[in-house]
PDB file of N, CA and C in Angstrom:
ATOM      1  N   MET A   1     102.429 147.227 105.762  1.00  0.00           N
ATOM      2  CA  MET A   1     101.126 147.738 105.416  1.00  0.00           C
ATOM      3  C   MET A   1     100.091 146.810 106.044  1.00  0.00           C
ATOM      4  N   GLY A   2      99.401 147.258 107.083  1.00  0.00           N
ATOM      5  CA  GLY A   2      98.449 146.424 107.803  1.00  0.00           C
ATOM      6  C   GLY A   2      97.019 146.796 107.478  1.00  0.00           C
ATOM      7  N   CYS A   3      96.134 145.916 107.864  1.00  0.00           N
ATOM      8  CA  CYS A   3      94.711 146.146 107.668  1.00  0.00           C
ATOM      9  C   CYS A   3      94.115 146.694 108.949  1.00  0.00           C
ATOM     10  N   SER A   4      93.124 147.530 108.828  1.00  0.00           N
ATOM     11  CA  SER A   4      92.433 147.997 110.016  1.00  0.00           C
ATOM     12  C   SER A   4      91.531 146.887 110.524  1.00  0.00           C
ATOM     13  N   PHE A   5      91.219 146.940 111.811  1.00  0.00           N
ATOM     14  CA  PHE A   5      90.381 145.920 112.425  1.00  0.00           C
ATOM     15  C   PHE A   5      89.013 145.868 111.747  1.00  0.00           C
ATOM     16  N   ALA A   6      88.421 147.032 111.462  1.00  0.00           N
ATOM     17  CA  ALA A   6      87.103 147.078 110.820  1.00  0.00           C
ATOM     18  C   ALA A   6      87.158 146.425 109.442  1.00  0.00           C
ATOM     19  N   PHE A   7      88.238 146.658 108.730  1.00  0.00           N
ATOM     20  CA  PHE A   7      88.399 146.067 107.401  1.00  0.00           C
ATOM     21  C   PHE A   7      88.433 144.540 107.498  1.00  0.00           C
ATOM     22  N   GLU A   8      89.198 144.019 108.467  1.00  0.00           N
ATOM     23  CA  GLU A   8      89.310 142.578 108.638  1.00  0.00           C
ATOM     24  C   GLU A   8      87.989 141.943 109.038  1.00  0.00           C
ATOM     25  N   THR A   9      87.271 142.552 109.977  1.00  0.00           N
ATOM     26  CA  THR A   9      86.019 141.961 110.429  1.00  0.00           C
ATOM     27  C   THR A   9      84.960 142.010 109.346  1.00  0.00           C
ATOM     28  N   ASP A  10      85.030 142.983 108.464  1.00  0.00           N
ATOM     29  CA  ASP A  10      84.089 143.073 107.357  1.00  0.00           C
ATOM     30  C   ASP A  10      84.306 141.936 106.350  1.00  0.00           C
ATOM     31  N   LEU A  11      85.551 141.567 106.123  1.00  0.00           N
ATOM     32  CA  LEU A  11      85.865 140.561 105.111  1.00  0.00           C
ATOM     33  C   LEU A  11      85.878 139.133 105.648  1.00  0.00           C
ATOM     34  N   ARG A  12      86.123 138.954 106.942  1.00  0.00           N
ATOM     35  CA  ARG A  12      86.270 137.609 107.483  1.00  0.00           C
ATOM     36  C   ARG A  12      85.067 136.702 107.198  1.00  0.00           C
ATOM     37  N   PRO A  13      83.828 137.136 107.438  1.00  0.00           N
ATOM     38  CA  PRO A  13      82.697 136.240 107.167  1.00  0.00           C
ATOM     39  C   PRO A  13      82.622 135.823 105.684  1.00  0.00           C
ATOM     40  N   LYS A  14      82.939 136.755 104.801  1.00  0.00           N
ATOM     41  CA  LYS A  14      82.913 136.443 103.368  1.00  0.00           C
ATOM     42  C   LYS A  14      84.048 135.493 102.992  1.00  0.00           C
ATOM     43  N   ALA A  15      85.211 135.711 103.573  1.00  0.00           N
ATOM     44  CA  ALA A  15      86.348 134.820 103.315  1.00  0.00           C
ATOM     45  C   ALA A  15      86.071 133.428 103.882  1.00  0.00           C
ATOM     46  N   ASP A  16      85.478 133.369 105.064  1.00  0.00           N
ATOM     47  CA  ASP A  16      85.120 132.066 105.646  1.00  0.00           C
ATOM     48  C   ASP A  16      84.095 131.347 104.778  1.00  0.00           C
ATOM     49  N   ARG A  17      83.115 132.089 104.294  1.00  0.00           N
ATOM     50  CA  ARG A  17      82.080 131.501 103.414  1.00  0.00           C
ATOM     51  C   ARG A  17      82.729 130.965 102.136  1.00  0.00           C
ATOM     52  N   LEU A  18      83.642 131.733 101.560  1.00  0.00           N
ATOM     53  CA  LEU A  18      84.332 131.295 100.351  1.00  0.00           C
ATOM     54  C   LEU A  18      85.130 130.021 100.619  1.00  0.00           C
ATOM     55  N   LEU A  19      85.832 129.978 101.730  1.00  0.00           N
ATOM     56  CA  LEU A  19      86.603 128.787 102.079  1.00  0.00           C
ATOM     57  C   LEU A  19      85.698 127.565 102.232  1.00  0.00           C
ATOM     58  N   ASN A  20      84.575 127.724 102.909  1.00  0.00           N
ATOM     59  CA  ASN A  20      83.652 126.603 103.098  1.00  0.00           C
ATOM     60  C   ASN A  20      83.062 126.127 101.774  1.00  0.00           C
ATOM     61  N   MET A  21      82.667 127.063 100.933  1.00  0.00           N
ATOM     62  CA  MET A  21      82.087 126.676  99.644  1.00  0.00           C
ATOM     63  C   MET A  21      83.129 126.016  98.756  1.00  0.00           C
ATOM     64  N   THR A  22      84.344 126.519  98.762  1.00  0.00           N
ATOM     65  CA  THR A  22      85.412 125.930  97.954  1.00  0.00           C
ATOM     66  C   THR A  22      85.719 124.513  98.419  1.00  0.00           C
ATOM     67  N   THR A  23      85.732 124.314  99.729  1.00  0.00           N
ATOM     68  CA  THR A  23      85.942 122.974 100.275  1.00  0.00           C
ATOM     69  C   THR A  23      84.833 122.030  99.825  1.00  0.00           C
ATOM     70  N   ASP A  24      83.585 122.491  99.892  1.00  0.00           N
ATOM     71  CA  ASP A  24      82.450 121.662  99.469  1.00  0.00           C
ATOM     72  C   ASP A  24      82.505 121.348  97.978  1.00  0.00           C
ATOM     73  N   SER A  25      82.788 122.343  97.154  1.00  0.00           N
ATOM     74  CA  SER A  25      82.814 122.094  95.711  1.00  0.00           C
ATOM     75  C   SER A  25      83.992 121.196  95.335  1.00  0.00           C
ATOM     76  N   ASP A  26      85.135 121.362  95.997  1.00  0.00           N
ATOM     77  CA  ASP A  26      86.274 120.472  95.751  1.00  0.00           C
ATOM     78  C   ASP A  26      85.927 119.022  96.107  1.00  0.00           C
ATOM     79  N   ARG A  27      85.224 118.842  97.221  1.00  0.00           N
ATOM     80  CA  ARG A  27      84.829 117.489  97.641  1.00  0.00           C
ATOM     81  C   ARG A  27      83.922 116.851  96.583  1.00  0.00           C
ATOM     82  N   ILE A  28      82.971 117.609  96.078  1.00  0.00           N
ATOM     83  CA  ILE A  28      82.059 117.097  95.055  1.00  0.00           C
ATOM     84  C   ILE A  28      82.831 116.699  93.801  1.00  0.00           C
ATOM     85  N   LEU A  29      83.758 117.555  93.389  1.00  0.00           N
ATOM     86  CA  LEU A  29      84.562 117.260  92.197  1.00  0.00           C
ATOM     87  C   LEU A  29      85.452 116.035  92.403  1.00  0.00           C
ATOM     88  N   TRP A  30      86.122 115.948  93.554  1.00  0.00           N
ATOM     89  CA  TRP A  30      86.987 114.797  93.827  1.00  0.00           C
ATOM     90  C   TRP A  30      86.185 113.505  93.853  1.00  0.00           C
ATOM     91  N   GLN A  31      85.001 113.534  94.445  1.00  0.00           N
ATOM     92  CA  GLN A  31      84.163 112.325  94.476  1.00  0.00           C
ATOM     93  C   GLN A  31      83.754 111.913  93.066  1.00  0.00           C
ATOM     94  N   ALA A  32      83.357 112.882  92.266  1.00  0.00           N
ATOM     95  CA  ALA A  32      82.871 112.575  90.922  1.00  0.00           C
ATOM     96  C   ALA A  32      83.976 112.042  90.020  1.00  0.00           C
ATOM     97  N   PHE A  33      85.195 112.541  90.184  1.00  0.00           N
ATOM     98  CA  PHE A  33      86.275 112.163  89.284  1.00  0.00           C
ATOM     99  C   PHE A  33      87.268 111.176  89.887  1.00  0.00           C
ATOM    100  N   SER A  34      86.950 110.636  91.050  1.00  0.00           N
ATOM    101  CA  SER A  34      87.854 109.646  91.644  1.00  0.00           C
ATOM    102  C   SER A  34      87.778 108.345  90.852  1.00  0.00           C
ATOM    103  N   SER A  35      88.811 107.535  90.970  1.00  0.00           N
ATOM    104  CA  SER A  35      88.871 106.282  90.205  1.00  0.00           C
ATOM    105  C   SER A  35      87.798 105.291  90.641  1.00  0.00           C
ATOM    106  N   ASN A  36      87.280 105.437  91.837  1.00  0.00           N
ATOM    107  CA  ASN A  36      86.234 104.520  92.305  1.00  0.00           C
ATOM    108  C   ASN A  36      84.873 105.209  92.411  1.00  0.00           C
ATOM    109  N   ALA A  37      84.658 106.243  91.596  1.00  0.00           N
ATOM    110  CA  ALA A  37      83.391 106.979  91.608  1.00  0.00           C
ATOM    111  C   ALA A  37      82.255 106.081  91.143  1.00  0.00           C
ATOM    112  N   ARG A  38      81.122 106.267  91.779  1.00  0.00           N
ATOM    113  CA  ARG A  38      79.896 105.553  91.399  1.00  0.00           C
ATOM    114  C   ARG A  38      78.960 106.538  90.713  1.00  0.00           C
ATOM    115  N   PRO A  39      77.951 106.039  90.040  1.00  0.00           N
ATOM    116  CA  PRO A  39      76.993 106.958  89.390  1.00  0.00           C
ATOM    117  C   PRO A  39      76.401 107.979  90.366  1.00  0.00           C
ATOM    118  N   ALA A  40      76.196 107.597  91.606  1.00  0.00           N
ATOM    119  CA  ALA A  40      75.652 108.538  92.594  1.00  0.00           C
ATOM    120  C   ALA A  40      76.605 109.703  92.827  1.00  0.00           C
ATOM    121  N   ASP A  41      77.902 109.472  92.686  1.00  0.00           N
ATOM    122  CA  ASP A  41      78.882 110.537  92.889  1.00  0.00           C
ATOM    123  C   ASP A  41      78.823 111.585  91.782  1.00  0.00           C
ATOM    124  N   TRP A  42      78.338 111.200  90.614  1.00  0.00           N
ATOM    125  CA  TRP A  42      78.231 112.142  89.497  1.00  0.00           C
ATOM    126  C   TRP A  42      77.035 113.071  89.642  1.00  0.00           C
ATOM    127  N   ARG A  43      76.060 112.660  90.449  1.00  0.00           N
ATOM    128  CA  ARG A  43      74.850 113.484  90.603  1.00  0.00           C
ATOM    129  C   ARG A  43      75.154 114.870  91.151  1.00  0.00           C
ATOM    130  N   GLY A  44      76.194 114.974  91.977  1.00  0.00           N
ATOM    131  CA  GLY A  44      76.545 116.286  92.516  1.00  0.00           C
ATOM    132  C   GLY A  44      76.875 117.288  91.429  1.00  0.00           C
ATOM    133  N   LEU A  45      77.431 116.808  90.318  1.00  0.00           N
ATOM    134  CA  LEU A  45      77.798 117.701  89.215  1.00  0.00           C
ATOM    135  C   LEU A  45      76.593 118.172  88.406  1.00  0.00           C
ATOM    136  N   THR A  46      75.508 117.439  88.481  1.00  0.00           N
ATOM    137  CA  THR A  46      74.317 117.815  87.716  1.00  0.00           C
ATOM    138  C   THR A  46      73.287 118.533  88.579  1.00  0.00           C
ATOM    139  N   ASP A  47      73.574 118.675  89.847  1.00  0.00           N
ATOM    140  CA  ASP A  47      72.665 119.353  90.765  1.00  0.00           C
ATOM    141  C   ASP A  47      72.789 120.863  90.580  1.00  0.00           C
ATOM    142  N   ASP A  48      71.669 121.532  90.421  1.00  0.00           N
ATOM    143  CA  ASP A  48      71.671 122.993  90.251  1.00  0.00           C
ATOM    144  C   ASP A  48      72.370 123.696  91.411  1.00  0.00           C
ATOM    145  N   ARG A  49      72.249 123.152  92.618  1.00  0.00           N
ATOM    146  CA  ARG A  49      72.874 123.797  93.783  1.00  0.00           C
ATOM    147  C   ARG A  49      74.390 123.847  93.647  1.00  0.00           C
ATOM    148  N   PHE A  50      74.981 122.831  93.013  1.00  0.00           N
ATOM    149  CA  PHE A  50      76.423 122.826  92.804  1.00  0.00           C
ATOM    150  C   PHE A  50      76.832 123.999  91.919  1.00  0.00           C
ATOM    151  N   TRP A  51      76.117 124.206  90.838  1.00  0.00           N
ATOM    152  CA  TRP A  51      76.452 125.279  89.897  1.00  0.00           C
ATOM    153  C   TRP A  51      76.167 126.656  90.478  1.00  0.00           C
ATOM    154  N   ILE A  52      75.129 126.762  91.297  1.00  0.00           N
ATOM    155  CA  ILE A  52      74.849 128.019  91.993  1.00  0.00           C
ATOM    156  C   ILE A  52      75.978 128.320  92.965  1.00  0.00           C
ATOM    157  N   MET A  53      76.468 127.287  93.658  1.00  0.00           N
ATOM    158  CA  MET A  53      77.574 127.461  94.591  1.00  0.00           C
ATOM    159  C   MET A  53      78.824 127.947  93.855  1.00  0.00           C
ATOM    160  N   LEU A  54      79.096 127.399  92.682  1.00  0.00           N
ATOM    161  CA  LEU A  54      80.265 127.848  91.917  1.00  0.00           C
ATOM    162  C   LEU A  54      80.135 129.302  91.494  1.00  0.00           C
ATOM    163  N   ARG A  55      78.930 129.708  91.096  1.00  0.00           N
ATOM    164  CA  ARG A  55      78.718 131.115  90.727  1.00  0.00           C
ATOM    165  C   ARG A  55      78.899 132.030  91.936  1.00  0.00           C
ATOM    166  N   GLU A  56      78.415 131.584  93.099  1.00  0.00           N
ATOM    167  CA  GLU A  56      78.585 132.388  94.307  1.00  0.00           C
ATOM    168  C   GLU A  56      80.065 132.479  94.692  1.00  0.00           C
ATOM    169  N   GLU A  57      80.800 131.377  94.511  1.00  0.00           N
ATOM    170  CA  GLU A  57      82.245 131.413  94.766  1.00  0.00           C
ATOM    171  C   GLU A  57      82.906 132.472  93.885  1.00  0.00           C
ATOM    172  N   ASP A  58      82.571 132.466  92.602  1.00  0.00           N
ATOM    173  CA  ASP A  58      83.138 133.456  91.678  1.00  0.00           C
ATOM    174  C   ASP A  58      82.813 134.877  92.125  1.00  0.00           C
ATOM    175  N   PHE A  59      81.571 135.100  92.521  1.00  0.00           N
ATOM    176  CA  PHE A  59      81.159 136.425  92.986  1.00  0.00           C
ATOM    177  C   PHE A  59      81.982 136.837  94.204  1.00  0.00           C
ATOM    178  N   LEU A  60      82.141 135.924  95.173  1.00  0.00           N
ATOM    179  CA  LEU A  60      82.890 136.257  96.380  1.00  0.00           C
ATOM    180  C   LEU A  60      84.362 136.536  96.081  1.00  0.00           C
ATOM    181  N   VAL A  61      84.937 135.789  95.159  1.00  0.00           N
ATOM    182  CA  VAL A  61      86.338 136.026  94.784  1.00  0.00           C
ATOM    183  C   VAL A  61      86.490 137.435  94.230  1.00  0.00           C
ATOM    184  N   VAL A  62      85.616 137.818  93.331  1.00  0.00           N
ATOM    185  CA  VAL A  62      85.688 139.157  92.731  1.00  0.00           C
ATOM    186  C   VAL A  62      85.462 140.219  93.799  1.00  0.00           C
ATOM    187  N   HIS A  63      84.463 140.012  94.640  1.00  0.00           N
ATOM    188  CA  HIS A  63      84.141 140.991  95.687  1.00  0.00           C
ATOM    189  C   HIS A  63      85.325 141.157  96.647  1.00  0.00           C
ATOM    190  N   LEU A  64      85.879 140.054  97.112  1.00  0.00           N
ATOM    191  CA  LEU A  64      87.010 140.134  98.039  1.00  0.00           C
ATOM    192  C   LEU A  64      88.241 140.768  97.364  1.00  0.00           C
ATOM    193  N   ALA A  65      88.485 140.419  96.128  1.00  0.00           N
ATOM    194  CA  ALA A  65      89.630 141.005  95.421  1.00  0.00           C
ATOM    195  C   ALA A  65      89.462 142.519  95.266  1.00  0.00           C
ATOM    196  N   GLU A  66      88.262 142.968  94.991  1.00  0.00           N
ATOM    197  CA  GLU A  66      88.013 144.409  94.860  1.00  0.00           C
ATOM    198  C   GLU A  66      88.222 145.129  96.186  1.00  0.00           C
ATOM    199  N   LYS A  67      87.874 144.472  97.297  1.00  0.00           N
ATOM    200  CA  LYS A  67      88.040 145.085  98.615  1.00  0.00           C
ATOM    201  C   LYS A  67      89.519 145.133  99.018  1.00  0.00           C
ATOM    202  N   VAL A  68      90.249 144.088  98.682  1.00  0.00           N
ATOM    203  CA  VAL A  68      91.654 144.001  99.088  1.00  0.00           C
ATOM    204  C   VAL A  68      92.537 144.829  98.160  1.00  0.00           C
ATOM    205  N   HIS A  69      92.229 144.810  96.876  1.00  0.00           N
ATOM    206  CA  HIS A  69      93.009 145.558  95.878  1.00  0.00           C
ATOM    207  C   HIS A  69      92.099 146.510  95.110  1.00  0.00           C
ATOM    208  N   PRO A  70      91.707 147.607  95.758  1.00  0.00           N
ATOM    209  CA  PRO A  70      90.753 148.533  95.087  1.00  0.00           C
ATOM    210  C   PRO A  70      91.345 149.217  93.869  1.00  0.00           C
TER     211      PRO A  70
END
């Protein structure tokens, strides 16, 4: 069962965006919770942009799942 080319090109930018955001949010979390974390590393967790990014990740996951498994 394969995907059509149009289907793949429609989802690729969203999947790439999700991958990039997940990588960024993972980096922020690892820095904040590492054994040698400094107070500056915790600021990423209190930044509104971090929480907005997590909400956007959730939205993209749901959107992509609906497209792949309608």
